[in-house]
Amino acid sequence: MSRSDFKKAKRPRYQGETEAEQENIITIIDEAGAYTYIGNSYASASASESVWKVRRITEANPLRVEFASGSAEYVNIWNNRATLDYS
């Protein structure tokens, strides 16, 4: 897996967003030491906007998957992934 892999996925529609925009989602994967961060947002989103769903995988025994801010919503900033609180 490379540091930044992109693929399309489907997620809930943002207010005012068209169906075509909803389907144009990216997934970014960032491996950093014992953590793998996974971010999802719409393709035109900036990494500094608070429109990302961010998960962190902790590669330990047992493997843990946690959401940034404890939320599965699209409310976080991808650029802040390493300093966000996860649960």
PDB file of N, CA and C in Angstrom:
ATOM      1  N   MET A   1       0.847  -1.171   0.000  1.00  0.00           N
ATOM      2  CA  MET A   1       0.000   0.000   0.000  1.00  0.00           C
ATOM      3  C   MET A   1       0.894   1.237   0.000  1.00  0.00           C
ATOM      4  N   SER A   2       0.636   2.161  -0.887  1.00  0.00           N
ATOM      5  CA  SER A   2       1.438   3.377  -0.945  1.00  0.00           C
ATOM      6  C   SER A   2       0.918   4.400   0.061  1.00  0.00           C
ATOM      7  N   ARG A   3       1.670   5.486   0.231  1.00  0.00           N
ATOM      8  CA  ARG A   3       1.295   6.495   1.214  1.00  0.00           C
ATOM      9  C   ARG A   3      -0.021   7.185   0.869  1.00  0.00           C
ATOM     10  N   SER A   4      -0.343   7.303  -0.388  1.00  0.00           N
ATOM     11  CA  SER A   4      -1.599   7.958  -0.773  1.00  0.00           C
ATOM     12  C   SER A   4      -2.269   7.173  -1.890  1.00  0.00           C
ATOM     13  N   ASP A   5      -3.228   6.347  -1.528  1.00  0.00           N
ATOM     14  CA  ASP A   5      -4.010   5.598  -2.503  1.00  0.00           C
ATOM     15  C   ASP A   5      -5.387   6.245  -2.586  1.00  0.00           C
ATOM     16  N   PHE A   6      -5.884   6.398  -3.803  1.00  0.00           N
ATOM     17  CA  PHE A   6      -7.175   7.038  -4.015  1.00  0.00           C
ATOM     18  C   PHE A   6      -8.129   6.058  -4.683  1.00  0.00           C
ATOM     19  N   LYS A   7      -9.373   6.062  -4.264  1.00  0.00           N
ATOM     20  CA  LYS A   7     -10.405   5.288  -4.945  1.00  0.00           C
ATOM     21  C   LYS A   7     -11.758   5.911  -4.659  1.00  0.00           C
ATOM     22  N   LYS A   8     -12.719   5.612  -5.506  1.00  0.00           N
ATOM     23  CA  LYS A   8     -14.064   6.160  -5.325  1.00  0.00           C
ATOM     24  C   LYS A   8     -14.847   5.328  -4.331  1.00  0.00           C
ATOM     25  N   ALA A   9     -15.699   5.986  -3.583  1.00  0.00           N
ATOM     26  CA  ALA A   9     -16.579   5.329  -2.617  1.00  0.00           C
ATOM     27  C   ALA A   9     -17.873   6.135  -2.577  1.00  0.00           C
ATOM     28  N   LYS A  10     -18.829   5.688  -1.811  1.00  0.00           N
ATOM     29  CA  LYS A  10     -20.086   6.430  -1.687  1.00  0.00           C
ATOM     30  C   LYS A  10     -20.288   6.803  -0.225  1.00  0.00           C
ATOM     31  N   ARG A  11     -20.779   7.988   0.034  1.00  0.00           N
ATOM     32  CA  ARG A  11     -21.016   8.481   1.381  1.00  0.00           C
ATOM     33  C   ARG A  11     -22.276   9.318   1.391  1.00  0.00           C
ATOM     34  N   PRO A  12     -22.758   9.724   2.560  1.00  0.00           N
ATOM     35  CA  PRO A  12     -23.978  10.534   2.627  1.00  0.00           C
ATOM     36  C   PRO A  12     -23.816  11.855   1.870  1.00  0.00           C
ATOM     37  N   ARG A  13     -24.895  12.383   1.375  1.00  0.00           N
ATOM     38  CA  ARG A  13     -24.875  13.626   0.604  1.00  0.00           C
ATOM     39  C   ARG A  13     -24.843  14.827   1.547  1.00  0.00           C
ATOM     40  N   TYR A  14     -23.987  15.812   1.244  1.00  0.00           N
ATOM     41  CA  TYR A  14     -23.952  17.064   1.994  1.00  0.00           C
ATOM     42  C   TYR A  14     -25.149  17.921   1.606  1.00  0.00           C
ATOM     43  N   GLN A  15     -25.547  18.822   2.482  1.00  0.00           N
ATOM     44  CA  GLN A  15     -26.665  19.716   2.197  1.00  0.00           C
ATOM     45  C   GLN A  15     -26.356  20.534   0.943  1.00  0.00           C
ATOM     46  N   GLY A  16     -27.286  20.551  -0.007  1.00  0.00           N
ATOM     47  CA  GLY A  16     -27.110  21.319  -1.232  1.00  0.00           C
ATOM     48  C   GLY A  16     -26.267  20.633  -2.296  1.00  0.00           C
ATOM     49  N   GLU A  17     -25.825  19.446  -2.039  1.00  0.00           N
ATOM     50  CA  GLU A  17     -24.956  18.723  -2.963  1.00  0.00           C
ATOM     51  C   GLU A  17     -25.790  17.897  -3.944  1.00  0.00           C
ATOM     52  N   THR A  18     -25.339  17.816  -5.183  1.00  0.00           N
ATOM     53  CA  THR A  18     -26.046  17.012  -6.175  1.00  0.00           C
ATOM     54  C   THR A  18     -25.656  15.546  -6.038  1.00  0.00           C
ATOM     55  N   GLU A  19     -26.455  14.675  -6.649  1.00  0.00           N
ATOM     56  CA  GLU A  19     -26.140  13.245  -6.611  1.00  0.00           C
ATOM     57  C   GLU A  19     -24.809  12.959  -7.297  1.00  0.00           C
ATOM     58  N   ALA A  20     -24.524  13.662  -8.391  1.00  0.00           N
ATOM     59  CA  ALA A  20     -23.249  13.470  -9.095  1.00  0.00           C
ATOM     60  C   ALA A  20     -22.075  13.829  -8.190  1.00  0.00           C
ATOM     61  N   GLU A  21     -22.211  14.906  -7.427  1.00  0.00           N
ATOM     62  CA  GLU A  21     -21.146  15.293  -6.498  1.00  0.00           C
ATOM     63  C   GLU A  21     -20.989  14.258  -5.389  1.00  0.00           C
ATOM     64  N   GLN A  22     -22.100  13.685  -4.949  1.00  0.00           N
ATOM     65  CA  GLN A  22     -22.066  12.684  -3.885  1.00  0.00           C
ATOM     66  C   GLN A  22     -21.237  11.474  -4.299  1.00  0.00           C
ATOM     67  N   GLU A  23     -21.336  11.080  -5.544  1.00  0.00           N
ATOM     68  CA  GLU A  23     -20.642   9.885  -6.008  1.00  0.00           C
ATOM     69  C   GLU A  23     -19.167  10.125  -6.283  1.00  0.00           C
ATOM     70  N   ASN A  24     -18.731  11.361  -6.316  1.00  0.00           N
ATOM     71  CA  ASN A  24     -17.345  11.686  -6.619  1.00  0.00           C
ATOM     72  C   ASN A  24     -16.548  11.837  -5.320  1.00  0.00           C
ATOM     73  N   ILE A  25     -16.292  10.716  -4.665  1.00  0.00           N
ATOM     74  CA  ILE A  25     -15.638  10.666  -3.356  1.00  0.00           C
ATOM     75  C   ILE A  25     -14.226  10.124  -3.511  1.00  0.00           C
ATOM     76  N   ILE A  26     -13.321  10.639  -2.694  1.00  0.00           N
ATOM     77  CA  ILE A  26     -11.971  10.082  -2.667  1.00  0.00           C
ATOM     78  C   ILE A  26     -11.701   9.462  -1.305  1.00  0.00           C
ATOM     79  N   THR A  27     -10.800   8.527  -1.310  1.00  0.00           N
ATOM     80  CA  THR A  27     -10.280   7.924  -0.090  1.00  0.00           C
ATOM     81  C   THR A  27      -8.778   8.124  -0.117  1.00  0.00           C
ATOM     82  N   ILE A  28      -8.237   8.680   0.952  1.00  0.00           N
ATOM     83  CA  ILE A  28      -6.794   8.872   1.077  1.00  0.00           C
ATOM     84  C   ILE A  28      -6.311   7.980   2.211  1.00  0.00           C
ATOM     85  N   ILE A  29      -5.219   7.282   1.965  1.00  0.00           N
ATOM     86  CA  ILE A  29      -4.617   6.410   2.975  1.00  0.00           C
ATOM     87  C   ILE A  29      -3.206   6.902   3.237  1.00  0.00           C
ATOM     88  N   ASP A  30      -2.904   7.143   4.512  1.00  0.00           N
ATOM     89  CA  ASP A  30      -1.581   7.625   4.912  1.00  0.00           C
ATOM     90  C   ASP A  30      -1.031   6.705   5.990  1.00  0.00           C
ATOM     91  N   GLU A  31       0.087   6.050   5.694  1.00  0.00           N
ATOM     92  CA  GLU A  31       0.741   5.181   6.674  1.00  0.00           C
ATOM     93  C   GLU A  31       1.818   5.981   7.390  1.00  0.00           C
ATOM     94  N   ALA A  32       1.747   5.995   8.721  1.00  0.00           N
ATOM     95  CA  ALA A  32       2.690   6.767   9.529  1.00  0.00           C
ATOM     96  C   ALA A  32       3.057   5.959  10.766  1.00  0.00           C
ATOM     97  N   GLY A  33       4.160   5.243  10.698  1.00  0.00           N
ATOM     98  CA  GLY A  33       4.591   4.425  11.827  1.00  0.00           C
ATOM     99  C   GLY A  33       3.611   3.316  12.119  1.00  0.00           C
ATOM    100  N   ALA A  34       3.160   3.236  13.371  1.00  0.00           N
ATOM    101  CA  ALA A  34       2.231   2.181  13.788  1.00  0.00           C
ATOM    102  C   ALA A  34       0.788   2.506  13.429  1.00  0.00           C
ATOM    103  N   TYR A  35       0.557   3.665  12.794  1.00  0.00           N
ATOM    104  CA  TYR A  35      -0.798   4.089  12.447  1.00  0.00           C
ATOM    105  C   TYR A  35      -1.005   4.114  10.938  1.00  0.00           C
ATOM    106  N   THR A  36      -2.230   3.814  10.550  1.00  0.00           N
ATOM    107  CA  THR A  36      -2.683   4.038   9.180  1.00  0.00           C
ATOM    108  C   THR A  36      -3.913   4.922   9.282  1.00  0.00           C
ATOM    109  N   TYR A  37      -3.866   6.074   8.610  1.00  0.00           N
ATOM    110  CA  TYR A  37      -4.983   7.012   8.607  1.00  0.00           C
ATOM    111  C   TYR A  37      -5.749   6.858   7.300  1.00  0.00           C
ATOM    112  N   ILE A  38      -7.077   6.857   7.398  1.00  0.00           N
ATOM    113  CA  ILE A  38      -7.933   6.747   6.223  1.00  0.00           C
ATOM    114  C   ILE A  38      -8.885   7.934   6.242  1.00  0.00           C
ATOM    115  N   GLY A  39      -8.873   8.706   5.165  1.00  0.00           N
ATOM    116  CA  GLY A  39      -9.757   9.863   5.059  1.00  0.00           C
ATOM    117  C   GLY A  39     -10.670   9.746   3.862  1.00  0.00           C
ATOM    118  N   ASN A  40     -11.924  10.131   4.044  1.00  0.00           N
ATOM    119  CA  ASN A  40     -12.907  10.144   2.963  1.00  0.00           C
ATOM    120  C   ASN A  40     -13.524  11.528   2.876  1.00  0.00           C
ATOM    121  N   SER A  41     -13.666  12.033   1.653  1.00  0.00           N
ATOM    122  CA  SER A  41     -14.369  13.285   1.417  1.00  0.00           C
ATOM    123  C   SER A  41     -14.688  13.386  -0.065  1.00  0.00           C
ATOM    124  N   TYR A  42     -15.350  14.474  -0.455  1.00  0.00           N
ATOM    125  CA  TYR A  42     -15.648  14.653  -1.868  1.00  0.00           C
ATOM    126  C   TYR A  42     -14.381  15.082  -2.597  1.00  0.00           C
ATOM    127  N   ALA A  43     -14.316  14.783  -3.887  1.00  0.00           N
ATOM    128  CA  ALA A  43     -13.079  14.925  -4.655  1.00  0.00           C
ATOM    129  C   ALA A  43     -12.524  16.339  -4.691  1.00  0.00           C
ATOM    130  N   SER A  44     -13.366  17.349  -4.643  1.00  0.00           N
ATOM    131  CA  SER A  44     -12.873  18.722  -4.726  1.00  0.00           C
ATOM    132  C   SER A  44     -12.547  19.321  -3.357  1.00  0.00           C
ATOM    133  N   ALA A  45     -12.668  18.545  -2.288  1.00  0.00           N
ATOM    134  CA  ALA A  45     -12.409  19.056  -0.938  1.00  0.00           C
ATOM    135  C   ALA A  45     -10.931  19.342  -0.733  1.00  0.00           C
ATOM    136  N   SER A  46     -10.662  20.405  -0.028  1.00  0.00           N
ATOM    137  CA  SER A  46      -9.299  20.727   0.376  1.00  0.00           C
ATOM    138  C   SER A  46      -8.969  19.942   1.641  1.00  0.00           C
ATOM    139  N   ALA A  47      -7.722  19.563   1.789  1.00  0.00           N
ATOM    140  CA  ALA A  47      -7.286  18.830   2.980  1.00  0.00           C
ATOM    141  C   ALA A  47      -7.388  19.685   4.238  1.00  0.00           C
ATOM    142  N   SER A  48      -7.579  20.995   4.074  1.00  0.00           N
ATOM    143  CA  SER A  48      -7.690  21.892   5.230  1.00  0.00           C
ATOM    144  C   SER A  48      -9.141  22.243   5.574  1.00  0.00           C
ATOM    145  N   GLU A  49     -10.112  21.675   4.855  1.00  0.00           N
ATOM    146  CA  GLU A  49     -11.529  21.907   5.156  1.00  0.00           C
ATOM    147  C   GLU A  49     -12.034  20.882   6.164  1.00  0.00           C
ATOM    148  N   SER A  50     -12.997  21.264   6.974  1.00  0.00           N
ATOM    149  CA  SER A  50     -13.566  20.336   7.960  1.00  0.00           C
ATOM    150  C   SER A  50     -14.724  19.551   7.333  1.00  0.00           C
ATOM    151  N   VAL A  51     -14.383  18.760   6.311  1.00  0.00           N
ATOM    152  CA  VAL A  51     -15.368  17.967   5.561  1.00  0.00           C
ATOM    153  C   VAL A  51     -14.869  16.535   5.348  1.00  0.00           C
ATOM    154  N   TRP A  52     -14.072  16.038   6.274  1.00  0.00           N
ATOM    155  CA  TRP A  52     -13.460  14.716   6.139  1.00  0.00           C
ATOM    156  C   TRP A  52     -13.938  13.764   7.227  1.00  0.00           C
ATOM    157  N   LYS A  53     -14.158  12.512   6.848  1.00  0.00           N
ATOM    158  CA  LYS A  53     -14.333  11.430   7.819  1.00  0.00           C
ATOM    159  C   LYS A  53     -12.952  10.800   7.944  1.00  0.00           C
ATOM    160  N   VAL A  54     -12.400  10.800   9.148  1.00  0.00           N
ATOM    161  CA  VAL A  54     -11.032  10.323   9.360  1.00  0.00           C
ATOM    162  C   VAL A  54     -11.046   9.155  10.338  1.00  0.00           C
ATOM    163  N   ARG A  55     -10.391   8.078   9.945  1.00  0.00           N
ATOM    164  CA  ARG A  55     -10.229   6.907  10.817  1.00  0.00           C
ATOM    165  C   ARG A  55      -8.743   6.653  11.017  1.00  0.00           C
ATOM    166  N   ARG A  56      -8.428   6.069  12.157  1.00  0.00           N
ATOM    167  CA  ARG A  56      -7.045   5.678  12.434  1.00  0.00           C
ATOM    168  C   ARG A  56      -7.028   4.199  12.786  1.00  0.00           C
ATOM    169  N   ILE A  57      -6.165   3.465  12.125  1.00  0.00           N
ATOM    170  CA  ILE A  57      -5.960   2.053  12.438  1.00  0.00           C
ATOM    171  C   ILE A  57      -4.660   1.954  13.213  1.00  0.00           C
ATOM    172  N   THR A  58      -4.720   1.360  14.393  1.00  0.00           N
ATOM    173  CA  THR A  58      -3.533   1.135  15.207  1.00  0.00           C
ATOM    174  C   THR A  58      -3.108  -0.304  15.000  1.00  0.00           C
ATOM    175  N   GLU A  59      -1.913  -0.467  14.472  1.00  0.00           N
ATOM    176  CA  GLU A  59      -1.414  -1.800  14.150  1.00  0.00           C
ATOM    177  C   GLU A  59      -0.745  -2.407  15.375  1.00  0.00           C
ATOM    178  N   ALA A  60      -1.577  -2.957  16.240  1.00  0.00           N
ATOM    179  CA  ALA A  60      -1.126  -3.609  17.470  1.00  0.00           C
ATOM    180  C   ALA A  60      -1.955  -4.874  17.627  1.00  0.00           C
ATOM    181  N   ASN A  61      -1.782  -5.544  18.736  1.00  0.00           N
ATOM    182  CA  ASN A  61      -2.571  -6.735  18.989  1.00  0.00           C
ATOM    183  C   ASN A  61      -3.449  -6.462  20.207  1.00  0.00           C
ATOM    184  N   PRO A  62      -4.720  -6.253  20.073  1.00  0.00           N
ATOM    185  CA  PRO A  62      -5.509  -6.395  18.850  1.00  0.00           C
ATOM    186  C   PRO A  62      -5.471  -5.128  17.993  1.00  0.00           C
ATOM    187  N   LEU A  63      -5.756  -5.297  16.727  1.00  0.00           N
ATOM    188  CA  LEU A  63      -5.867  -4.190  15.786  1.00  0.00           C
ATOM    189  C   LEU A  63      -7.032  -3.302  16.214  1.00  0.00           C
ATOM    190  N   ARG A  64      -6.836  -1.967  16.190  1.00  0.00           N
ATOM    191  CA  ARG A  64      -7.909  -1.045  16.588  1.00  0.00           C
ATOM    192  C   ARG A  64      -8.227  -0.093  15.448  1.00  0.00           C
ATOM    193  N   VAL A  65      -9.505   0.130  15.205  1.00  0.00           N
ATOM    194  CA  VAL A  65      -9.964   1.118  14.233  1.00  0.00           C
ATOM    195  C   VAL A  65     -10.803   2.132  15.000  1.00  0.00           C
ATOM    196  N   GLU A  66     -10.383   3.401  14.951  1.00  0.00           N
ATOM    197  CA  GLU A  66     -11.058   4.457  15.703  1.00  0.00           C
ATOM    198  C   GLU A  66     -11.376   5.628  14.779  1.00  0.00           C
ATOM    199  N   PHE A  67     -12.424   6.378  15.126  1.00  0.00           N
ATOM    200  CA  PHE A  67     -12.801   7.561  14.367  1.00  0.00           C
ATOM    201  C   PHE A  67     -12.256   8.814  15.043  1.00  0.00           C
ATOM    202  N   ALA A  68     -11.834   9.779  14.228  1.00  0.00           N
ATOM    203  CA  ALA A  68     -11.408  11.073  14.752  1.00  0.00           C
ATOM    204  C   ALA A  68     -12.585  11.734  15.447  1.00  0.00           C
ATOM    205  N   SER A  69     -12.341  12.304  16.599  1.00  0.00           N
ATOM    206  CA  SER A  69     -13.370  12.966  17.409  1.00  0.00           C
ATOM    207  C   SER A  69     -14.495  12.015  17.790  1.00  0.00           C
ATOM    208  N   GLY A  70     -14.255  10.709  17.662  1.00  0.00           N
ATOM    209  CA  GLY A  70     -15.272   9.718  17.990  1.00  0.00           C
ATOM    210  C   GLY A  70     -16.477   9.768  17.068  1.00  0.00           C
ATOM    211  N   SER A  71     -16.310  10.381  15.887  1.00  0.00           N
ATOM    212  CA  SER A  71     -17.445  10.609  14.992  1.00  0.00           C
ATOM    213  C   SER A  71     -17.218  10.013  13.609  1.00  0.00           C
ATOM    214  N   ALA A  72     -18.231   9.338  13.092  1.00  0.00           N
ATOM    215  CA  ALA A  72     -18.183   8.801  11.730  1.00  0.00           C
ATOM    216  C   ALA A  72     -18.722   9.819  10.726  1.00  0.00           C
ATOM    217  N   GLU A  73     -18.878  11.059  11.151  1.00  0.00           N
ATOM    218  CA  GLU A  73     -19.389  12.123  10.279  1.00  0.00           C
ATOM    219  C   GLU A  73     -18.238  12.782   9.517  1.00  0.00           C
ATOM    220  N   TYR A  74     -18.587  13.542   8.490  1.00  0.00           N
ATOM    221  CA  TYR A  74     -17.613  14.265   7.661  1.00  0.00           C
ATOM    222  C   TYR A  74     -17.387  15.653   8.264  1.00  0.00           C
ATOM    223  N   VAL A  75     -16.667  15.717   9.398  1.00  0.00           N
ATOM    224  CA  VAL A  75     -16.535  16.972  10.147  1.00  0.00           C
ATOM    225  C   VAL A  75     -15.093  17.307  10.533  1.00  0.00           C
ATOM    226  N   ASN A  76     -14.134  16.525  10.103  1.00  0.00           N
ATOM    227  CA  ASN A  76     -12.750  16.744  10.518  1.00  0.00           C
ATOM    228  C   ASN A  76     -11.895  17.294   9.388  1.00  0.00           C
ATOM    229  N   ILE A  77     -10.697  17.735   9.739  1.00  0.00           N
ATOM    230  CA  ILE A  77      -9.730  18.279   8.784  1.00  0.00           C
ATOM    231  C   ILE A  77      -8.649  17.231   8.553  1.00  0.00           C
ATOM    232  N   TRP A  78      -8.482  16.813   7.307  1.00  0.00           N
ATOM    233  CA  TRP A  78      -7.506  15.773   6.979  1.00  0.00           C
ATOM    234  C   TRP A  78      -6.094  16.176   7.408  1.00  0.00           C
ATOM    235  N   ASN A  79      -5.713  17.428   7.206  1.00  0.00           N
ATOM    236  CA  ASN A  79      -4.362  17.872   7.567  1.00  0.00           C
ATOM    237  C   ASN A  79      -4.070  17.730   9.057  1.00  0.00           C
ATOM    238  N   ASN A  80      -5.097  17.650   9.894  1.00  0.00           N
ATOM    239  CA  ASN A  80      -4.924  17.538  11.347  1.00  0.00           C
ATOM    240  C   ASN A  80      -4.963  16.101  11.840  1.00  0.00           C
ATOM    241  N   ARG A  81      -4.961  15.126  10.955  1.00  0.00           N
ATOM    242  CA  ARG A  81      -5.187  13.719  11.325  1.00  0.00           C
ATOM    243  C   ARG A  81      -4.264  13.215  12.424  1.00  0.00           C
ATOM    244  N   ALA A  82      -3.027  13.640  12.459  1.00  0.00           N
ATOM    245  CA  ALA A  82      -2.081  13.126  13.455  1.00  0.00           C
ATOM    246  C   ALA A  82      -2.326  13.704  14.845  1.00  0.00           C
ATOM    247  N   THR A  83      -3.016  14.839  14.940  1.00  0.00           N
ATOM    248  CA  THR A  83      -3.221  15.485  16.243  1.00  0.00           C
ATOM    249  C   THR A  83      -4.668  15.415  16.735  1.00  0.00           C
ATOM    250  N   LEU A  84      -5.542  14.794  15.970  1.00  0.00           N
ATOM    251  CA  LEU A  84      -6.940  14.655  16.394  1.00  0.00           C
ATOM    252  C   LEU A  84      -7.058  13.616  17.505  1.00  0.00           C
ATOM    253  N   ASP A  85      -8.110  13.712  18.300  1.00  0.00           N
ATOM    254  CA  ASP A  85      -8.412  12.697  19.315  1.00  0.00           C
ATOM    255  C   ASP A  85      -9.211  11.590  18.651  1.00  0.00           C
ATOM    256  N   TYR A  86      -8.903  10.345  18.988  1.00  0.00           N
ATOM    257  CA  TYR A  86      -9.566   9.188  18.376  1.00  0.00           C
ATOM    258  C   TYR A  86     -10.224   8.328  19.440  1.00  0.00           C
ATOM    259  N   SER A  87     -11.398   7.817  19.098  1.00  0.00           N
ATOM    260  CA  SER A  87     -12.082   6.865  19.977  1.00  0.00           C
ATOM    261  C   SER A  87     -13.069   6.059  19.159  1.00  0.00           C
TER     262      SER A  87
END
